[in-house]
Amino acid sequence: MNEEAKNYKDKSVWLRGLYMLIFLFLLGVAKFVAFVVIVFQFLNVLFTTEKNQKLLKFGESLSVYHYQVIMFLTYNSEEQPFPMGEWPEKIEKSITQEDINK
């Protein structure tokens, strides 16, 4: 019981909770931005039959950002995503069929 009371008084737990609220809000913003990217990319392909390379690159980094935020929110990572950390540039490792079969 005494250890539980210590957790409530630990400032780092409360600070992480504050960061989690901030990242939940930013995740909502990122989802809206992803929706806009999806619509623009679809319209671009519809009218030009080509993918916009800048949107592809941004969409990839936005997907990695979503992943980083979810990992932080679920306590799977202690690394804080953007804006506390760096904006992700690209996927560090792609999943291959060999990785899935392991």
PDB file of N, CA and C in Angstrom:
ATOM      1  N   MET A   1       0.819  -1.189   0.000  1.00  0.00           N
ATOM      2  CA  MET A   1       0.000   0.000   0.000  1.00  0.00           C
ATOM      3  C   MET A   1       0.863   1.253   0.000  1.00  0.00           C
ATOM      4  N   ASN A   2       1.962   1.199   0.745  1.00  0.00           N
ATOM      5  CA  ASN A   2       2.848   2.350   0.834  1.00  0.00           C
ATOM      6  C   ASN A   2       3.513   2.645  -0.512  1.00  0.00           C
ATOM      7  N   GLU A   3       3.857   1.576  -1.288  1.00  0.00           N
ATOM      8  CA  GLU A   3       4.468   1.772  -2.594  1.00  0.00           C
ATOM      9  C   GLU A   3       3.490   2.423  -3.565  1.00  0.00           C
ATOM     10  N   GLU A   4       2.217   2.083  -3.493  1.00  0.00           N
ATOM     11  CA  GLU A   4       1.213   2.694  -4.360  1.00  0.00           C
ATOM     12  C   GLU A   4       1.092   4.183  -4.078  1.00  0.00           C
ATOM     13  N   ALA A   5       1.156   4.567  -2.839  1.00  0.00           N
ATOM     14  CA  ALA A   5       1.063   5.985  -2.485  1.00  0.00           C
ATOM     15  C   ALA A   5       2.257   6.745  -3.042  1.00  0.00           C
ATOM     16  N   LYS A   6       3.415   6.114  -3.094  1.00  0.00           N
ATOM     17  CA  LYS A   6       4.589   6.754  -3.653  1.00  0.00           C
ATOM     18  C   LYS A   6       4.415   7.036  -5.141  1.00  0.00           C
ATOM     19  N   ASN A   7       3.764   6.132  -5.871  1.00  0.00           N
ATOM     20  CA  ASN A   7       3.534   6.330  -7.295  1.00  0.00           C
ATOM     21  C   ASN A   7       2.690   7.569  -7.561  1.00  0.00           C
ATOM     22  N   TYR A   8       1.720   7.850  -6.704  1.00  0.00           N
ATOM     23  CA  TYR A   8       0.877   9.018  -6.891  1.00  0.00           C
ATOM     24  C   TYR A   8       1.635  10.313  -6.650  1.00  0.00           C
ATOM     25  N   LYS A   9       2.676  10.246  -5.855  1.00  0.00           N
ATOM     26  CA  LYS A   9       3.458  11.430  -5.537  1.00  0.00           C
ATOM     27  C   LYS A   9       4.646  11.622  -6.468  1.00  0.00           C
ATOM     28  N   ASP A  10       4.926  10.643  -7.306  1.00  0.00           N
ATOM     29  CA  ASP A  10       6.074  10.698  -8.209  1.00  0.00           C
ATOM     30  C   ASP A  10       5.802  11.697  -9.334  1.00  0.00           C
ATOM     31  N   LYS A  11       6.588  12.753  -9.391  1.00  0.00           N
ATOM     32  CA  LYS A  11       6.382  13.802 -10.395  1.00  0.00           C
ATOM     33  C   LYS A  11       6.612  13.308 -11.809  1.00  0.00           C
ATOM     34  N   SER A  12       7.503  12.328 -11.973  1.00  0.00           N
ATOM     35  CA  SER A  12       7.778  11.835 -13.321  1.00  0.00           C
ATOM     36  C   SER A  12       6.564  11.125 -13.911  1.00  0.00           C
ATOM     37  N   VAL A  13       5.770  10.472 -13.063  1.00  0.00           N
ATOM     38  CA  VAL A  13       4.549   9.813 -13.548  1.00  0.00           C
ATOM     39  C   VAL A  13       3.547  10.868 -14.031  1.00  0.00           C
ATOM     40  N   TRP A  14       3.400  11.939 -13.252  1.00  0.00           N
ATOM     41  CA  TRP A  14       2.485  13.007 -13.638  1.00  0.00           C
ATOM     42  C   TRP A  14       2.975  13.739 -14.888  1.00  0.00           C
ATOM     43  N   LEU A  15       4.286  13.916 -15.006  1.00  0.00           N
ATOM     44  CA  LEU A  15       4.840  14.569 -16.184  1.00  0.00           C
ATOM     45  C   LEU A  15       4.606  13.719 -17.422  1.00  0.00           C
ATOM     46  N   ARG A  16       4.798  12.408 -17.290  1.00  0.00           N
ATOM     47  CA  ARG A  16       4.524  11.528 -18.430  1.00  0.00           C
ATOM     48  C   ARG A  16       3.043  11.580 -18.793  1.00  0.00           C
ATOM     49  N   GLY A  17       2.171  11.641 -17.789  1.00  0.00           N
ATOM     50  CA  GLY A  17       0.739  11.764 -18.057  1.00  0.00           C
ATOM     51  C   GLY A  17       0.422  13.030 -18.833  1.00  0.00           C
ATOM     52  N   LEU A  18       1.089  14.128 -18.495  1.00  0.00           N
ATOM     53  CA  LEU A  18       0.895  15.378 -19.236  1.00  0.00           C
ATOM     54  C   LEU A  18       1.361  15.229 -20.677  1.00  0.00           C
ATOM     55  N   TYR A  19       2.547  14.617 -20.849  1.00  0.00           N
ATOM     56  CA  TYR A  19       3.035  14.371 -22.208  1.00  0.00           C
ATOM     57  C   TYR A  19       2.086  13.469 -22.986  1.00  0.00           C
ATOM     58  N   MET A  20       1.506  12.498 -22.314  1.00  0.00           N
ATOM     59  CA  MET A  20       0.569  11.591 -22.984  1.00  0.00           C
ATOM     60  C   MET A  20      -0.661  12.350 -23.478  1.00  0.00           C
ATOM     61  N   LEU A  21      -1.160  13.275 -22.681  1.00  0.00           N
ATOM     62  CA  LEU A  21      -2.303  14.088 -23.122  1.00  0.00           C
ATOM     63  C   LEU A  21      -1.932  14.943 -24.334  1.00  0.00           C
ATOM     64  N   ILE A  22      -0.741  15.519 -24.287  1.00  0.00           N
ATOM     65  CA  ILE A  22      -0.286  16.338 -25.417  1.00  0.00           C
ATOM     66  C   ILE A  22      -0.176  15.482 -26.673  1.00  0.00           C
ATOM     67  N   PHE A  23       0.413  14.288 -26.538  1.00  0.00           N
ATOM     68  CA  PHE A  23       0.581  13.428 -27.708  1.00  0.00           C
ATOM     69  C   PHE A  23      -0.745  12.853 -28.206  1.00  0.00           C
ATOM     70  N   LEU A  24      -1.703  12.668 -27.316  1.00  0.00           N
ATOM     71  CA  LEU A  24      -3.042  12.255 -27.774  1.00  0.00           C
ATOM     72  C   LEU A  24      -3.660  13.332 -28.657  1.00  0.00           C
ATOM     73  N   PHE A  25      -3.512  14.585 -28.244  1.00  0.00           N
ATOM     74  CA  PHE A  25      -4.013  15.691 -29.055  1.00  0.00           C
ATOM     75  C   PHE A  25      -3.284  15.747 -30.397  1.00  0.00           C
ATOM     76  N   LEU A  26      -1.940  15.641 -30.352  1.00  0.00           N
ATOM     77  CA  LEU A  26      -1.157  15.687 -31.589  1.00  0.00           C
ATOM     78  C   LEU A  26      -1.465  14.510 -32.506  1.00  0.00           C
ATOM     79  N   LEU A  27      -1.801  13.359 -31.931  1.00  0.00           N
ATOM     80  CA  LEU A  27      -2.190  12.208 -32.744  1.00  0.00           C
ATOM     81  C   LEU A  27      -3.478  12.499 -33.505  1.00  0.00           C
ATOM     82  N   GLY A  28      -4.413  13.175 -32.842  1.00  0.00           N
ATOM     83  CA  GLY A  28      -5.644  13.575 -33.529  1.00  0.00           C
ATOM     84  C   GLY A  28      -5.364  14.520 -34.683  1.00  0.00           C
ATOM     85  N   VAL A  29      -4.471  15.475 -34.469  1.00  0.00           N
ATOM     86  CA  VAL A  29      -4.089  16.401 -35.537  1.00  0.00           C
ATOM     87  C   VAL A  29      -3.412  15.632 -36.669  1.00  0.00           C
ATOM     88  N   ALA A  30      -2.527  14.700 -36.313  1.00  0.00           N
ATOM     89  CA  ALA A  30      -1.810  13.915 -37.324  1.00  0.00           C
ATOM     90  C   ALA A  30      -2.776  13.049 -38.141  1.00  0.00           C
ATOM     91  N   LYS A  31      -3.811  12.536 -37.498  1.00  0.00           N
ATOM     92  CA  LYS A  31      -4.807  11.740 -38.240  1.00  0.00           C
ATOM     93  C   LYS A  31      -5.550  12.610 -39.246  1.00  0.00           C
ATOM     94  N   PHE A  32      -5.877  13.838 -38.848  1.00  0.00           N
ATOM     95  CA  PHE A  32      -6.539  14.750 -39.787  1.00  0.00           C
ATOM     96  C   PHE A  32      -5.623  15.077 -40.963  1.00  0.00           C
ATOM     97  N   VAL A  33      -4.342  15.334 -40.665  1.00  0.00           N
ATOM     98  CA  VAL A  33      -3.372  15.626 -41.724  1.00  0.00           C
ATOM     99  C   VAL A  33      -3.238  14.420 -42.650  1.00  0.00           C
ATOM    100  N   ALA A  34      -3.228  13.214 -42.094  1.00  0.00           N
ATOM    101  CA  ALA A  34      -3.145  12.009 -42.913  1.00  0.00           C
ATOM    102  C   ALA A  34      -4.355  11.908 -43.837  1.00  0.00           C
ATOM    103  N   PHE A  35      -5.535  12.257 -43.328  1.00  0.00           N
ATOM    104  CA  PHE A  35      -6.741  12.247 -44.158  1.00  0.00           C
ATOM    105  C   PHE A  35      -6.592  13.207 -45.336  1.00  0.00           C
ATOM    106  N   VAL A  36      -6.067  14.394 -45.069  1.00  0.00           N
ATOM    107  CA  VAL A  36      -5.867  15.388 -46.137  1.00  0.00           C
ATOM    108  C   VAL A  36      -4.860  14.866 -47.161  1.00  0.00           C
ATOM    109  N   VAL A  37      -3.770  14.256 -46.696  1.00  0.00           N
ATOM    110  CA  VAL A  37      -2.764  13.695 -47.609  1.00  0.00           C
ATOM    111  C   VAL A  37      -3.392  12.605 -48.467  1.00  0.00           C
ATOM    112  N   ILE A  38      -4.196  11.758 -47.860  1.00  0.00           N
ATOM    113  CA  ILE A  38      -4.860  10.675 -48.598  1.00  0.00           C
ATOM    114  C   ILE A  38      -5.756  11.233 -49.698  1.00  0.00           C
ATOM    115  N   VAL A  39      -6.556  12.229 -49.364  1.00  0.00           N
ATOM    116  CA  VAL A  39      -7.472  12.821 -50.347  1.00  0.00           C
ATOM    117  C   VAL A  39      -6.692  13.482 -51.483  1.00  0.00           C
ATOM    118  N   PHE A  40      -5.680  14.274 -51.145  1.00  0.00           N
ATOM    119  CA  PHE A  40      -4.889  14.936 -52.186  1.00  0.00           C
ATOM    120  C   PHE A  40      -4.160  13.934 -53.066  1.00  0.00           C
ATOM    121  N   GLN A  41      -3.619  12.888 -52.481  1.00  0.00           N
ATOM    122  CA  GLN A  41      -2.918  11.883 -53.278  1.00  0.00           C
ATOM    123  C   GLN A  41      -3.894  11.167 -54.210  1.00  0.00           C
ATOM    124  N   PHE A  42      -5.075  10.839 -53.703  1.00  0.00           N
ATOM    125  CA  PHE A  42      -6.080  10.193 -54.548  1.00  0.00           C
ATOM    126  C   PHE A  42      -6.474  11.093 -55.708  1.00  0.00           C
ATOM    127  N   LEU A  43      -6.735  12.359 -55.410  1.00  0.00           N
ATOM    128  CA  LEU A  43      -7.119  13.293 -56.476  1.00  0.00           C
ATOM    129  C   LEU A  43      -5.983  13.479 -57.474  1.00  0.00           C
ATOM    130  N   ASN A  44      -4.759  13.508 -57.001  1.00  0.00           N
ATOM    131  CA  ASN A  44      -3.615  13.643 -57.891  1.00  0.00           C
ATOM    132  C   ASN A  44      -3.515  12.444 -58.830  1.00  0.00           C
ATOM    133  N   VAL A  45      -3.671  11.245 -58.286  1.00  0.00           N
ATOM    134  CA  VAL A  45      -3.614  10.040 -59.118  1.00  0.00           C
ATOM    135  C   VAL A  45      -4.811  10.000 -60.071  1.00  0.00           C
ATOM    136  N   LEU A  46      -5.952  10.421 -59.601  1.00  0.00           N
ATOM    137  CA  LEU A  46      -7.161  10.419 -60.430  1.00  0.00           C
ATOM    138  C   LEU A  46      -7.009  11.313 -61.657  1.00  0.00           C
ATOM    139  N   PHE A  47      -6.439  12.490 -61.467  1.00  0.00           N
ATOM    140  CA  PHE A  47      -6.372  13.458 -62.564  1.00  0.00           C
ATOM    141  C   PHE A  47      -5.066  13.425 -63.349  1.00  0.00           C
ATOM    142  N   THR A  48      -3.975  12.970 -62.742  1.00  0.00           N
ATOM    143  CA  THR A  48      -2.695  12.965 -63.461  1.00  0.00           C
ATOM    144  C   THR A  48      -2.170  11.557 -63.717  1.00  0.00           C
ATOM    145  N   THR A  49      -2.767  10.548 -63.124  1.00  0.00           N
ATOM    146  CA  THR A  49      -2.355   9.138 -63.184  1.00  0.00           C
ATOM    147  C   THR A  49      -0.938   8.913 -62.637  1.00  0.00           C
ATOM    148  N   GLU A  50      -0.407   9.874 -61.883  1.00  0.00           N
ATOM    149  CA  GLU A  50       0.903   9.723 -61.270  1.00  0.00           C
ATOM    150  C   GLU A  50       0.817  10.045 -59.783  1.00  0.00           C
ATOM    151  N   LYS A  51       1.663   9.356 -59.012  1.00  0.00           N
ATOM    152  CA  LYS A  51       1.730   9.632 -57.579  1.00  0.00           C
ATOM    153  C   LYS A  51       2.614  10.850 -57.345  1.00  0.00           C
ATOM    154  N   ASN A  52       2.210  11.686 -56.415  1.00  0.00           N
ATOM    155  CA  ASN A  52       3.015  12.838 -56.027  1.00  0.00           C
ATOM    156  C   ASN A  52       4.109  12.346 -55.076  1.00  0.00           C
ATOM    157  N   GLN A  53       5.366  12.460 -55.499  1.00  0.00           N
ATOM    158  CA  GLN A  53       6.486  11.917 -54.729  1.00  0.00           C
ATOM    159  C   GLN A  53       6.664  12.624 -53.387  1.00  0.00           C
ATOM    160  N   LYS A  54       6.396  13.911 -53.343  1.00  0.00           N
ATOM    161  CA  LYS A  54       6.518  14.641 -52.073  1.00  0.00           C
ATOM    162  C   LYS A  54       5.460  14.171 -51.082  1.00  0.00           C
ATOM    163  N   LEU A  55       4.247  13.913 -51.576  1.00  0.00           N
ATOM    164  CA  LEU A  55       3.196  13.393 -50.697  1.00  0.00           C
ATOM    165  C   LEU A  55       3.513  11.979 -50.240  1.00  0.00           C
ATOM    166  N   LEU A  56       4.118  11.179 -51.106  1.00  0.00           N
ATOM    167  CA  LEU A  56       4.524   9.824 -50.716  1.00  0.00           C
ATOM    168  C   LEU A  56       5.530   9.871 -49.573  1.00  0.00           C
ATOM    169  N   LYS A  57       6.536  10.725 -49.714  1.00  0.00           N
ATOM    170  CA  LYS A  57       7.571  10.833 -48.688  1.00  0.00           C
ATOM    171  C   LYS A  57       6.973  11.359 -47.376  1.00  0.00           C
ATOM    172  N   PHE A  58       6.134  12.384 -47.475  1.00  0.00           N
ATOM    173  CA  PHE A  58       5.517  12.938 -46.268  1.00  0.00           C
ATOM    174  C   PHE A  58       4.570  11.914 -45.633  1.00  0.00           C
ATOM    175  N   GLY A  59       3.812  11.197 -46.456  1.00  0.00           N
ATOM    176  CA  GLY A  59       2.909  10.171 -45.938  1.00  0.00           C
ATOM    177  C   GLY A  59       3.646   9.076 -45.211  1.00  0.00           C
ATOM    178  N   GLU A  60       4.813   8.710 -45.731  1.00  0.00           N
ATOM    179  CA  GLU A  60       5.624   7.692 -45.065  1.00  0.00           C
ATOM    180  C   GLU A  60       6.106   8.189 -43.707  1.00  0.00           C
ATOM    181  N   SER A  61       6.624   9.417 -43.653  1.00  0.00           N
ATOM    182  CA  SER A  61       7.114   9.937 -42.375  1.00  0.00           C
ATOM    183  C   SER A  61       5.963  10.169 -41.398  1.00  0.00           C
ATOM    184  N   LEU A  62       4.788  10.544 -41.908  1.00  0.00           N
ATOM    185  CA  LEU A  62       3.614  10.721 -41.049  1.00  0.00           C
ATOM    186  C   LEU A  62       3.166   9.377 -40.467  1.00  0.00           C
ATOM    187  N   SER A  63       3.269   8.326 -41.248  1.00  0.00           N
ATOM    188  CA  SER A  63       2.938   6.985 -40.753  1.00  0.00           C
ATOM    189  C   SER A  63       3.891   6.555 -39.642  1.00  0.00           C
ATOM    190  N   VAL A  64       5.170   6.836 -39.820  1.00  0.00           N
ATOM    191  CA  VAL A  64       6.155   6.515 -38.788  1.00  0.00           C
ATOM    192  C   VAL A  64       5.869   7.327 -37.534  1.00  0.00           C
ATOM    193  N   TYR A  65       5.466   8.591 -37.707  1.00  0.00           N
ATOM    194  CA  TYR A  65       5.126   9.435 -36.561  1.00  0.00           C
ATOM    195  C   TYR A  65       3.948   8.846 -35.782  1.00  0.00           C
ATOM    196  N   HIS A  66       2.907   8.401 -36.510  1.00  0.00           N
ATOM    197  CA  HIS A  66       1.770   7.740 -35.857  1.00  0.00           C
ATOM    198  C   HIS A  66       2.268   6.569 -35.009  1.00  0.00           C
ATOM    199  N   TYR A  67       3.136   5.773 -35.598  1.00  0.00           N
ATOM    200  CA  TYR A  67       3.679   4.602 -34.906  1.00  0.00           C
ATOM    201  C   TYR A  67       4.438   5.006 -33.648  1.00  0.00           C
ATOM    202  N   GLN A  68       5.281   6.026 -33.763  1.00  0.00           N
ATOM    203  CA  GLN A  68       6.064   6.477 -32.611  1.00  0.00           C
ATOM    204  C   GLN A  68       5.170   6.976 -31.487  1.00  0.00           C
ATOM    205  N   VAL A  69       4.121   7.709 -31.828  1.00  0.00           N
ATOM    206  CA  VAL A  69       3.211   8.228 -30.804  1.00  0.00           C
ATOM    207  C   VAL A  69       2.496   7.081 -30.101  1.00  0.00           C
ATOM    208  N   ILE A  70       1.995   6.120 -30.868  1.00  0.00           N
ATOM    209  CA  ILE A  70       1.293   4.983 -30.270  1.00  0.00           C
ATOM    210  C   ILE A  70       2.236   4.180 -29.377  1.00  0.00           C
ATOM    211  N   MET A  71       3.477   4.001 -29.813  1.00  0.00           N
ATOM    212  CA  MET A  71       4.449   3.277 -28.993  1.00  0.00           C
ATOM    213  C   MET A  71       4.698   4.004 -27.674  1.00  0.00           C
ATOM    214  N   PHE A  72       4.775   5.329 -27.712  1.00  0.00           N
ATOM    215  CA  PHE A  72       4.976   6.103 -26.490  1.00  0.00           C
ATOM    216  C   PHE A  72       3.746   6.021 -25.593  1.00  0.00           C
ATOM    217  N   LEU A  73       2.570   6.161 -26.179  1.00  0.00           N
ATOM    218  CA  LEU A  73       1.338   6.167 -25.380  1.00  0.00           C
ATOM    219  C   LEU A  73       1.069   4.826 -24.709  1.00  0.00           C
ATOM    220  N   THR A  74       1.518   3.744 -25.330  1.00  0.00           N
ATOM    221  CA  THR A  74       1.284   2.415 -24.768  1.00  0.00           C
ATOM    222  C   THR A  74       2.445   1.922 -23.913  1.00  0.00           C
ATOM    223  N   TYR A  75       3.364   2.825 -23.569  1.00  0.00           N
ATOM    224  CA  TYR A  75       4.520   2.519 -22.726  1.00  0.00           C
ATOM    225  C   TYR A  75       5.476   1.520 -23.361  1.00  0.00           C
ATOM    226  N   ASN A  76       5.434   1.355 -24.673  1.00  0.00           N
ATOM    227  CA  ASN A  76       6.385   0.482 -25.351  1.00  0.00           C
ATOM    228  C   ASN A  76       7.670   1.210 -25.691  1.00  0.00           C
ATOM    229  N   SER A  77       7.673   2.523 -25.539  1.00  0.00           N
ATOM    230  CA  SER A  77       8.851   3.325 -25.817  1.00  0.00           C
ATOM    231  C   SER A  77       8.905   4.493 -24.842  1.00  0.00           C
ATOM    232  N   GLU A  78      10.098   4.832 -24.427  1.00  0.00           N
ATOM    233  CA  GLU A  78      10.295   6.000 -23.578  1.00  0.00           C
ATOM    234  C   GLU A  78      10.729   7.205 -24.403  1.00  0.00           C
ATOM    235  N   GLU A  79      11.017   6.983 -25.686  1.00  0.00           N
ATOM    236  CA  GLU A  79      11.446   8.065 -26.568  1.00  0.00           C
ATOM    237  C   GLU A  79      10.239   8.901 -26.968  1.00  0.00           C
ATOM    238  N   GLN A  80      10.333  10.194 -26.715  1.00  0.00           N
ATOM    239  CA  GLN A  80       9.216  11.079 -27.022  1.00  0.00           C
ATOM    240  C   GLN A  80       9.265  11.495 -28.490  1.00  0.00           C
ATOM    241  N   PRO A  81       8.144  11.360 -29.188  1.00  0.00           N
ATOM    242  CA  PRO A  81       8.091  11.751 -30.595  1.00  0.00           C
ATOM    243  C   PRO A  81       8.139  13.277 -30.767  1.00  0.00           C
ATOM    244  N   PHE A  82       8.079  13.718 -32.008  1.00  0.00           N
ATOM    245  CA  PHE A  82       8.009  15.132 -32.335  1.00  0.00           C
ATOM    246  C   PHE A  82       6.812  15.750 -31.621  1.00  0.00           C
ATOM    247  N   PRO A  83       6.871  16.898 -31.035  1.00  0.00           N
ATOM    248  CA  PRO A  83       7.865  17.960 -31.111  1.00  0.00           C
ATOM    249  C   PRO A  83       8.947  17.860 -30.046  1.00  0.00           C
ATOM    250  N   MET A  84       8.887  16.881 -29.153  1.00  0.00           N
ATOM    251  CA  MET A  84       9.935  16.727 -28.145  1.00  0.00           C
ATOM    252  C   MET A  84      11.174  16.064 -28.749  1.00  0.00           C
ATOM    253  N   GLY A  85      10.968  15.270 -29.777  1.00  0.00           N
ATOM    254  CA  GLY A  85      12.068  14.599 -30.470  1.00  0.00           C
ATOM    255  C   GLY A  85      12.131  15.077 -31.911  1.00  0.00           C
ATOM    256  N   GLU A  86      12.863  14.351 -32.718  1.00  0.00           N
ATOM    257  CA  GLU A  86      13.013  14.687 -34.133  1.00  0.00           C
ATOM    258  C   GLU A  86      11.849  14.141 -34.951  1.00  0.00           C
ATOM    259  N   TRP A  87      11.514  14.842 -36.042  1.00  0.00           N
ATOM    260  CA  TRP A  87      10.501  14.347 -36.977  1.00  0.00           C
ATOM    261  C   TRP A  87      11.098  13.163 -37.730  1.00  0.00           C
ATOM    262  N   PRO A  88      10.348  12.062 -37.850  1.00  0.00           N
ATOM    263  CA  PRO A  88      10.897  10.888 -38.553  1.00  0.00           C
ATOM    264  C   PRO A  88      11.045  11.163 -40.049  1.00  0.00           C
ATOM    265  N   GLU A  89      12.148  10.727 -40.603  1.00  0.00           N
ATOM    266  CA  GLU A  89      12.423  10.941 -42.024  1.00  0.00           C
ATOM    267  C   GLU A  89      11.914   9.799 -42.893  1.00  0.00           C
ATOM    268  N   LYS A  90      12.173   8.572 -42.453  1.00  0.00           N
ATOM    269  CA  LYS A  90      11.749   7.427 -43.248  1.00  0.00           C
ATOM    270  C   LYS A  90      11.653   6.211 -42.350  1.00  0.00           C
ATOM    271  N   ILE A  91      11.116   5.143 -42.900  1.00  0.00           N
ATOM    272  CA  ILE A  91      11.020   3.887 -42.164  1.00  0.00           C
ATOM    273  C   ILE A  91      12.423   3.311 -42.040  1.00  0.00           C
ATOM    274  N   GLU A  92      12.800   2.988 -40.820  1.00  0.00           N
ATOM    275  CA  GLU A  92      14.149   2.509 -40.584  1.00  0.00           C
ATOM    276  C   GLU A  92      14.348   1.091 -41.110  1.00  0.00           C
ATOM    277  N   LYS A  93      13.345   0.248 -40.968  1.00  0.00           N
ATOM    278  CA  LYS A  93      13.445  -1.120 -41.456  1.00  0.00           C
ATOM    279  C   LYS A  93      12.077  -1.537 -41.953  1.00  0.00           C
ATOM    280  N   SER A  94      12.030  -2.035 -43.161  1.00  0.00           N
ATOM    281  CA  SER A  94      10.756  -2.506 -43.678  1.00  0.00           C
ATOM    282  C   SER A  94      10.559  -3.966 -43.296  1.00  0.00           C
ATOM    283  N   ILE A  95       9.323  -4.350 -43.103  1.00  0.00           N
ATOM    284  CA  ILE A  95       8.996  -5.727 -42.740  1.00  0.00           C
ATOM    285  C   ILE A  95       8.907  -6.545 -44.032  1.00  0.00           C
ATOM    286  N   THR A  96       9.636  -7.625 -44.066  1.00  0.00           N
ATOM    287  CA  THR A  96       9.601  -8.500 -45.234  1.00  0.00           C
ATOM    288  C   THR A  96       8.860  -9.781 -44.879  1.00  0.00           C
ATOM    289  N   GLN A  97       8.567 -10.566 -45.873  1.00  0.00           N
ATOM    290  CA  GLN A  97       7.884 -11.839 -45.655  1.00  0.00           C
ATOM    291  C   GLN A  97       8.727 -12.756 -44.779  1.00  0.00           C
ATOM    292  N   GLU A  98      10.060 -12.668 -44.902  1.00  0.00           N
ATOM    293  CA  GLU A  98      10.951 -13.487 -44.081  1.00  0.00           C
ATOM    294  C   GLU A  98      10.807 -13.135 -42.610  1.00  0.00           C
ATOM    295  N   ASP A  99      10.625 -11.838 -42.294  1.00  0.00           N
ATOM    296  CA  ASP A  99      10.434 -11.418 -40.911  1.00  0.00           C
ATOM    297  C   ASP A  99       9.133 -11.981 -40.346  1.00  0.00           C
ATOM    298  N   ILE A 100       8.113 -12.035 -41.158  1.00  0.00           N
ATOM    299  CA  ILE A 100       6.813 -12.531 -40.727  1.00  0.00           C
ATOM    300  C   ILE A 100       6.865 -14.026 -40.449  1.00  0.00           C
ATOM    301  N   ASN A 101       7.604 -14.756 -41.279  1.00  0.00           N
ATOM    302  CA  ASN A 101       7.695 -16.209 -41.149  1.00  0.00           C
ATOM    303  C   ASN A 101       8.547 -16.672 -39.983  1.00  0.00           C
ATOM    304  N   LYS A 102       9.338 -15.785 -39.391  1.00  0.00           N
ATOM    305  CA  LYS A 102      10.223 -16.183 -38.277  1.00  0.00           C
ATOM    306  C   LYS A 102       9.491 -16.505 -37.035  1.00  0.00           C
TER     307      LYS A 102
END
